Amino acid sequence: MNTGLIIAVAIVVVIYLVVRSRKSHSKPVTEAATVSKPSPEVVYQGLRNMVLHGTRERFGLPPTKSPTEPWGVVMDWGVPNGTATVMALLDGSASIYMSGGGGFLGGQKQESVRTAAHLALATAAEFQSQLKTTTDYSLPAPGDVVFYLLTDSGTFTATEKEEELRKPGHPLLKLGNAMQNVITQYRILEDWKK
């Protein structure tokens, strides 16, 4: 796993615990006082924000050929019980975050995941000129899919209904399939471990 990513995740958790600890100091302490873990939603939001607001330098990624070439791609998928976020970075790391908890981090040590991440980045580069710039990272509604291409010159985005995205010939179908391939590679690894 990328050292920068590990450090960033640790920082998010520590900040959460410090803020939570400060809030608890203003309340009377009981005998059974315990430190609670952050909720899955808080962890999810921290990981998602870390990627969407990160920079190539912060992740320790090499320079791209041009400022608009993606060094990262994120897909937010509005599922019935929340959001699934899939991300891939230039170093071959790929993660899946679920708003209800769970997911996978890193993956670049697994050749199949690393290959899927690189394919997702190459595919994202094909679509960069078709997307619009954004600074809005709102979560998608159920049934919506949002793509974010992370570049040195800003973030580019497109939103589509999942049912439309599945139609043959849809302009973003190839990008959606590339991000779904990241999920598939993790599922294959999980099945293999069983």
Protein backbone atom coordinates (compact mmCIF):
# COMPACT_ATOMS: atom_id res chain seq x y z
CA MET A 1 0.00 0.00 0.00
CA ASN A 2 1.22 3.50 -0.80
CA THR A 3 2.92 4.98 2.28
CA GLY A 4 1.25 8.34 1.66
CA LEU A 5 -2.17 6.68 1.61
CA ILE A 6 -1.47 4.83 4.89
CA ILE A 7 -0.32 8.04 6.56
CA ALA A 8 -3.35 9.95 5.29
CA VAL A 9 -5.77 7.29 6.56
CA ALA A 10 -4.03 7.32 9.95
CA ILE A 11 -4.28 11.12 10.09
CA VAL A 12 -8.03 11.03 9.34
CA VAL A 13 -8.62 8.52 12.15
CA VAL A 14 -6.41 10.44 14.64
CA ILE A 15 -8.16 13.75 13.87
CA TYR A 16 -11.53 12.11 14.36
CA LEU A 17 -10.46 10.62 17.70
CA VAL A 18 -8.98 13.93 18.91
CA VAL A 19 -12.14 15.87 18.02
CA ARG A 20 -14.28 13.20 19.64
CA SER A 21 -12.05 13.22 22.75
CA ARG A 22 -12.33 17.00 23.09
CA LYS A 23 -16.11 16.79 22.89
CA SER A 24 -16.16 14.11 25.57
CA HIS A 25 -14.08 16.27 27.97
CA SER A 26 -16.92 18.77 28.17
CA LYS A 27 -19.27 16.05 29.45
CA PRO A 28 -19.17 14.45 32.90
CA VAL A 29 -17.04 11.30 32.92
CA THR A 30 -18.76 8.12 34.04
CA GLU A 31 -17.19 4.93 35.34
CA ALA A 32 -18.03 3.12 32.14
CA ALA A 33 -16.63 5.82 29.85
CA THR A 34 -15.13 4.23 26.75
CA VAL A 35 -13.60 5.49 23.57
CA SER A 36 -15.87 4.58 20.69
CA LYS A 37 -14.74 3.79 17.20
CA PRO A 38 -15.71 6.15 14.40
CA SER A 39 -18.88 5.15 12.60
CA PRO A 40 -18.56 3.49 9.18
CA GLU A 41 -20.00 6.64 7.60
CA VAL A 42 -17.33 8.85 9.22
CA VAL A 43 -14.53 6.53 8.09
CA TYR A 44 -16.05 6.36 4.59
CA GLN A 45 -16.31 10.14 4.30
CA GLY A 46 -12.73 10.57 5.54
CA LEU A 47 -11.32 8.12 2.98
CA ARG A 48 -13.43 9.52 0.13
CA ASN A 49 -12.51 13.13 0.96
CA MET A 50 -8.83 12.21 1.26
CA VAL A 51 -8.85 10.99 -2.34
CA LEU A 52 -11.10 13.67 -3.85
CA HIS A 53 -9.21 16.52 -2.15
CA GLY A 54 -5.77 14.94 -2.47
CA THR A 55 -2.98 15.91 -4.82
CA ARG A 56 -0.60 13.89 -6.92
CA GLU A 57 2.30 15.15 -4.79
CA ARG A 58 0.58 14.23 -1.52
CA PHE A 59 0.12 10.67 -2.79
CA GLY A 60 3.75 10.53 -3.97
CA LEU A 61 2.74 9.88 -7.58
CA PRO A 62 5.01 10.61 -10.54
CA PRO A 63 4.23 13.52 -12.87
CA THR A 64 1.82 12.92 -15.74
CA LYS A 65 2.57 13.83 -19.36
CA SER A 66 0.28 16.86 -19.21
CA PRO A 67 -1.58 18.79 -16.46
CA THR A 68 -4.94 17.41 -17.69
CA GLU A 69 -3.88 13.75 -17.78
CA PRO A 70 -5.57 11.89 -14.92
CA TRP A 71 -3.41 10.62 -12.05
CA GLY A 72 -6.51 9.31 -10.33
CA VAL A 73 -10.06 8.27 -11.16
CA VAL A 74 -12.98 7.88 -8.75
CA MET A 75 -16.41 6.38 -9.36
CA ASP A 76 -19.21 7.07 -6.86
CA TRP A 77 -22.10 4.68 -7.30
CA GLY A 78 -25.42 5.41 -5.59
CA VAL A 79 -26.58 2.02 -4.36
CA PRO A 80 -29.87 1.38 -2.47
CA ASN A 81 -28.29 1.54 1.00
CA GLY A 82 -25.73 4.30 0.46
CA THR A 83 -22.73 4.82 -1.78
CA ALA A 84 -19.95 2.65 -3.12
CA THR A 85 -16.78 4.51 -4.11
CA VAL A 86 -14.14 2.92 -6.33
CA MET A 87 -10.83 4.68 -6.89
CA ALA A 88 -7.67 3.98 -8.85
CA LEU A 89 -4.37 5.87 -8.77
CA LEU A 90 -1.41 6.08 -11.10
CA ASP A 91 0.76 3.90 -8.81
CA GLY A 92 -1.60 0.94 -9.32
CA SER A 93 -3.38 1.29 -6.01
CA ALA A 94 -7.13 0.79 -6.12
CA SER A 95 -9.61 0.92 -3.28
CA ILE A 96 -13.31 0.35 -2.72
CA TYR A 97 -15.09 2.19 0.10
CA MET A 98 -18.66 1.45 1.19
CA SER A 99 -20.60 4.14 3.07
CA GLY A 100 -22.12 1.46 5.30
CA GLY A 101 -18.69 0.07 6.15
CA GLY A 102 -16.26 -2.34 4.59
CA GLY A 103 -14.25 -2.29 1.42
CA PHE A 104 -10.69 -2.79 0.25
CA LEU A 105 -7.61 -0.55 0.49
CA GLY A 106 -4.49 -0.43 -1.65
CA GLY A 107 -4.27 -3.53 -3.77
CA GLN A 108 -1.21 -2.54 -5.79
CA LYS A 109 0.69 -5.57 -4.51
CA GLN A 110 -1.84 -7.79 -6.29
CA GLU A 111 -1.01 -7.89 -9.99
CA SER A 112 -4.66 -8.22 -11.08
CA VAL A 113 -5.75 -5.18 -9.04
CA ARG A 114 -2.73 -3.14 -10.15
CA THR A 115 -3.45 -4.00 -13.80
CA ALA A 116 -7.13 -3.05 -13.37
CA ALA A 117 -6.12 0.29 -11.80
CA HIS A 118 -3.75 1.09 -14.67
CA LEU A 119 -6.44 0.16 -17.22
CA ALA A 120 -8.93 2.42 -15.42
CA LEU A 121 -6.46 5.34 -15.59
CA ALA A 122 -5.72 4.74 -19.28
CA THR A 123 -9.46 4.59 -20.01
CA ALA A 124 -10.11 7.74 -17.96
CA ALA A 125 -7.53 9.60 -20.04
CA GLU A 126 -9.59 8.83 -23.16
CA PHE A 127 -12.61 10.59 -21.66
CA GLN A 128 -11.02 13.61 -19.94
CA SER A 129 -11.92 16.04 -22.75
CA GLN A 130 -15.60 15.01 -22.55
CA LEU A 131 -15.97 15.82 -18.85
CA LYS A 132 -16.50 19.19 -17.17
CA THR A 133 -14.50 20.71 -14.33
CA THR A 134 -15.95 20.61 -10.83
CA THR A 135 -15.35 21.40 -7.19
CA ASP A 136 -18.64 19.77 -6.10
CA TYR A 137 -18.22 16.31 -4.60
CA SER A 138 -21.81 15.65 -3.50
CA LEU A 139 -22.79 12.04 -3.01
CA PRO A 140 -24.88 10.57 -5.83
CA ALA A 141 -28.55 9.71 -5.51
CA PRO A 142 -29.43 6.01 -5.63
CA GLY A 143 -29.12 4.82 -9.23
CA ASP A 144 -26.65 7.56 -10.21
CA VAL A 145 -23.00 7.04 -11.10
CA VAL A 146 -20.52 9.92 -10.85
CA PHE A 147 -17.01 9.82 -12.31
CA TYR A 148 -14.21 12.11 -11.14
CA LEU A 149 -10.92 12.41 -13.01
CA LEU A 150 -8.21 13.83 -10.76
CA THR A 151 -5.58 15.87 -12.58
CA ASP A 152 -2.96 18.50 -11.78
CA SER A 153 -5.19 21.10 -13.43
CA GLY A 154 -8.32 20.22 -11.44
CA THR A 155 -11.07 17.64 -11.18
CA PHE A 156 -13.26 16.69 -14.13
CA THR A 157 -16.65 14.98 -13.71
CA ALA A 158 -19.63 13.37 -15.41
CA THR A 159 -22.84 11.97 -13.93
CA GLU A 160 -25.11 9.37 -15.47
CA LYS A 161 -27.98 7.12 -14.46
CA GLU A 162 -26.77 3.56 -13.90
CA GLU A 163 -29.45 2.17 -16.23
CA GLU A 164 -28.34 4.51 -19.03
CA LEU A 165 -24.68 3.70 -18.43
CA ARG A 166 -25.36 0.02 -19.05
CA LYS A 167 -26.71 0.58 -22.55
CA PRO A 168 -24.43 -0.56 -25.40
CA GLY A 169 -22.81 2.38 -27.11
CA HIS A 170 -23.15 4.76 -24.16
CA PRO A 171 -20.18 7.17 -24.25
CA LEU A 172 -19.12 6.40 -20.65
CA LEU A 173 -19.75 2.63 -20.77
CA LYS A 174 -16.06 1.84 -21.29
CA LEU A 175 -15.03 3.94 -18.27
CA GLY A 176 -17.77 2.36 -16.14
CA ASN A 177 -16.62 -1.11 -17.18
CA ALA A 178 -13.00 -0.27 -16.35
CA MET A 179 -14.00 0.80 -12.82
CA GLN A 180 -16.25 -2.26 -12.44
CA ASN A 181 -13.20 -4.36 -13.36
CA VAL A 182 -11.47 -3.09 -10.19
CA ILE A 183 -14.41 -4.46 -8.17
CA THR A 184 -14.28 -7.73 -10.11
CA GLN A 185 -10.58 -8.23 -9.40
CA TYR A 186 -11.13 -7.78 -5.66
CA ARG A 187 -14.06 -10.25 -5.77
CA ILE A 188 -11.88 -12.82 -7.57
CA LEU A 189 -9.16 -12.40 -4.92
CA GLU A 190 -11.72 -12.82 -2.13
CA ASP A 191 -13.14 -15.98 -3.76
CA TRP A 192 -9.62 -17.35 -4.17
CA LYS A 193 -8.90 -16.80 -0.46
CA LYS A 194 -11.96 -18.89 0.49
